[in-house]
Amino acid sequence: MWMNQMDIDEAVIRNQQQPVLGKAAQFLASFRDEVDAHSDGWPYWQAPIKAAEKLMQLLQARNPNTTMAEFKKALTPIKSFYTRRGYQAGMAMPAV
């Protein structure tokens, strides 16, 4: 299930103390902000939402033992999105 803007903001707050999930939530929030700045908005551009699906699933699982390797694996479709569409739209990949 995809996360709306409020879900993402709540994930950032909820995972502040988690070393990996905190970074994952912050990355997703930054990615959402990039999408918002370069399109009609997060809820309306399906390609980045589809690319972030694995990252959203990782955050929704709320597993405090999530590894950095799992987080980086969830970024693979987002990196592909940037290669195909994001950079052309003027977007910048958020820092991990």
Protein backbone atom coordinates (compact mmCIF):
# COMPACT_ATOMS: atom_id res chain seq x y z
CA MET A 1 0.00 0.00 0.00
CA TRP A 2 1.32 3.43 -0.87
CA MET A 3 1.93 6.07 1.78
CA ASN A 4 0.36 9.51 1.52
CA GLN A 5 2.08 12.68 2.67
CA MET A 6 0.82 12.40 6.24
CA ASP A 7 1.88 8.72 6.45
CA ILE A 8 5.39 9.69 5.37
CA ASP A 9 5.61 12.55 7.88
CA GLU A 10 4.45 10.19 10.65
CA ALA A 11 7.07 7.61 9.61
CA VAL A 12 9.78 10.27 9.93
CA ILE A 13 8.66 11.12 13.47
CA ARG A 14 8.08 7.50 14.50
CA ASN A 15 11.49 6.33 13.29
CA GLN A 16 13.68 9.21 14.50
CA GLN A 17 15.51 6.97 16.96
CA GLN A 18 15.93 4.04 14.57
CA PRO A 19 19.30 4.10 12.78
CA VAL A 20 18.16 2.52 9.48
CA LEU A 21 14.41 3.15 9.43
CA GLY A 22 15.04 6.77 10.41
CA LYS A 23 17.25 7.23 7.35
CA ALA A 24 14.75 5.38 5.18
CA ALA A 25 11.86 7.56 6.34
CA GLN A 26 13.85 10.75 5.86
CA PHE A 27 14.91 9.62 2.38
CA LEU A 28 11.28 8.92 1.44
CA ALA A 29 10.21 12.35 2.71
CA SER A 30 12.96 14.02 0.67
CA PHE A 31 12.02 11.97 -2.39
CA ARG A 32 8.37 12.97 -1.94
CA ASP A 33 9.41 16.63 -1.70
CA GLU A 34 11.39 16.31 -4.96
CA VAL A 35 8.37 14.76 -6.66
CA ASP A 36 6.15 17.56 -5.34
CA ALA A 37 8.56 20.21 -6.61
CA HIS A 38 8.78 18.74 -10.13
CA SER A 39 5.27 17.51 -10.85
CA ASP A 40 1.61 17.92 -9.96
CA GLY A 41 2.48 16.30 -6.64
CA TRP A 42 3.21 13.02 -4.91
CA PRO A 43 -0.32 11.59 -5.17
CA TYR A 44 -0.60 12.31 -8.89
CA TRP A 45 2.62 10.98 -10.46
CA GLN A 46 2.42 7.21 -10.32
CA ALA A 47 5.96 6.41 -11.58
CA PRO A 48 7.79 7.60 -8.44
CA ILE A 49 5.18 6.05 -6.18
CA LYS A 50 5.67 2.72 -7.93
CA ALA A 51 9.45 3.12 -7.62
CA ALA A 52 9.14 3.77 -3.88
CA GLU A 53 6.90 0.77 -3.25
CA LYS A 54 9.62 -1.43 -1.70
CA LEU A 55 10.82 1.42 0.49
CA MET A 56 7.29 2.08 1.71
CA GLN A 57 6.82 -1.64 2.46
CA LEU A 58 10.04 -1.59 4.47
CA LEU A 59 8.78 1.35 6.53
CA GLN A 60 5.32 -0.11 7.00
CA ALA A 61 6.80 -3.37 8.33
CA ARG A 62 8.28 -1.37 11.25
CA ASN A 63 11.03 -3.91 11.83
CA PRO A 64 13.63 -2.29 14.11
CA ASN A 65 16.17 -4.86 12.89
CA THR A 66 16.03 -3.62 9.29
CA THR A 67 19.54 -3.57 7.87
CA MET A 68 21.26 -0.95 5.76
CA ALA A 69 21.54 -3.57 3.02
CA GLU A 70 17.75 -3.97 2.99
CA PHE A 71 17.33 -0.22 2.83
CA LYS A 72 19.78 0.10 -0.08
CA LYS A 73 18.06 -2.75 -1.92
CA ALA A 74 14.75 -0.89 -1.57
CA LEU A 75 16.41 2.12 -3.24
CA THR A 76 17.19 0.20 -6.46
CA PRO A 77 13.84 0.95 -8.17
CA ILE A 78 14.12 4.60 -7.14
CA LYS A 79 17.57 4.84 -8.70
CA SER A 80 16.12 3.33 -11.88
CA PHE A 81 13.31 5.89 -11.80
CA TYR A 82 15.87 8.69 -11.62
CA THR A 83 17.79 7.27 -14.56
CA ARG A 84 14.64 6.94 -16.70
CA ARG A 85 12.56 9.95 -15.63
CA GLY A 86 13.72 11.84 -12.56
CA TYR A 87 16.87 13.50 -13.86
CA GLN A 88 15.02 14.50 -17.06
CA ALA A 89 12.39 16.20 -14.89
CA GLY A 90 15.13 18.20 -13.13
CA MET A 91 14.98 16.19 -9.93
CA ALA A 92 17.97 15.57 -7.67
CA MET A 93 18.40 12.25 -5.87
CA PRO A 94 18.17 12.78 -2.09
CA ALA A 95 21.22 11.88 -0.04
CA VAL A 96 21.13 8.61 1.88
